């Protein structure tokens, strides 16, 4: 989960955790005063922001940098 925390710090986002399983963490990211749903895959470090057509996928490395 460390890459997700690093990413949030670098983007000035606050994370509100909802659910955690052995493979995934989900909740809401507060970005620019908006709540954006997120899912983070703990094995692949893939961050999914938003839902539906507004959804975007971001691949993070172990330091939380977008690759």
Protein backbone atom coordinates (compact mmCIF):
# COMPACT_ATOMS: atom_id res chain seq x y z
CA UNK A 1 0.00 0.00 0.00
CA UNK A 2 3.04 2.26 0.30
CA UNK A 3 3.01 3.31 -3.43
CA UNK A 4 -0.59 4.52 -3.01
CA UNK A 5 0.35 6.60 0.04
CA UNK A 6 3.32 8.12 -1.81
CA UNK A 7 1.12 8.93 -4.81
CA UNK A 8 -1.50 10.61 -2.60
CA UNK A 9 1.16 12.68 -0.84
CA UNK A 10 2.65 13.87 -4.13
CA UNK A 11 -0.81 14.83 -5.48
CA UNK A 12 -1.95 16.55 -2.26
CA UNK A 13 -4.80 14.05 -1.96
CA UNK A 14 -6.39 12.68 1.20
CA UNK A 15 -7.39 9.02 1.17
CA UNK A 16 -10.53 7.74 2.85
CA UNK A 17 -10.25 3.99 3.04
CA UNK A 18 -13.38 1.95 2.51
CA UNK A 19 -12.63 -1.73 1.99
CA UNK A 20 -9.44 -3.74 2.15
CA UNK A 21 -8.89 -7.29 0.96
CA UNK A 22 -5.60 -9.18 0.55
CA UNK A 23 -5.51 -8.08 -3.12
CA UNK A 24 -7.11 -4.63 -3.19
CA UNK A 25 -7.81 -1.41 -1.29
CA UNK A 26 -10.71 0.85 -2.21
CA UNK A 27 -12.29 4.05 -0.96
CA UNK A 28 -12.37 7.73 -1.85
CA UNK A 29 -9.55 10.09 -2.70
CA UNK A 30 -10.19 13.73 -1.86
CA UNK A 31 -8.58 15.60 -4.78
CA UNK A 32 -9.17 19.35 -5.23
CA UNK A 33 -12.10 19.24 -2.74
CA UNK A 34 -13.86 16.45 -4.71
CA UNK A 35 -14.38 12.87 -3.62
CA UNK A 36 -13.11 10.51 -6.33
CA UNK A 37 -13.68 6.76 -5.86
CA UNK A 38 -10.53 4.65 -6.20
CA UNK A 39 -9.37 1.05 -6.27
CA UNK A 40 -5.74 0.07 -5.80
CA UNK A 41 -4.40 -3.37 -6.67
CA UNK A 42 -1.83 -4.27 -4.02
CA UNK A 43 -0.07 -6.83 -6.23
CA UNK A 44 0.30 -4.88 -9.50
CA UNK A 45 0.32 -1.31 -8.06
CA UNK A 46 -2.45 -0.29 -10.50
CA UNK A 47 -4.60 2.63 -9.33
CA UNK A 48 -8.09 3.06 -10.79
CA UNK A 49 -9.60 6.51 -10.22
CA UNK A 50 -13.26 7.35 -10.88
CA UNK A 51 -16.12 5.26 -12.18
CA UNK A 52 -17.79 4.66 -15.51
CA UNK A 53 -16.68 6.89 -18.37
CA UNK A 54 -14.63 9.11 -16.05
CA UNK A 55 -12.51 6.13 -14.94
CA UNK A 56 -8.78 6.24 -15.54
CA UNK A 57 -6.07 3.72 -14.81
CA UNK A 58 -2.65 4.71 -13.50
CA UNK A 59 0.27 2.30 -13.16
CA UNK A 60 2.49 3.15 -10.19
CA UNK A 61 5.97 1.95 -9.37
CA UNK A 62 7.14 1.05 -5.86
CA UNK A 63 7.79 4.73 -5.08
CA UNK A 64 4.32 5.92 -6.12
CA UNK A 65 5.52 7.47 -9.38
CA UNK A 66 3.30 7.15 -12.44
CA UNK A 67 4.91 4.98 -15.13
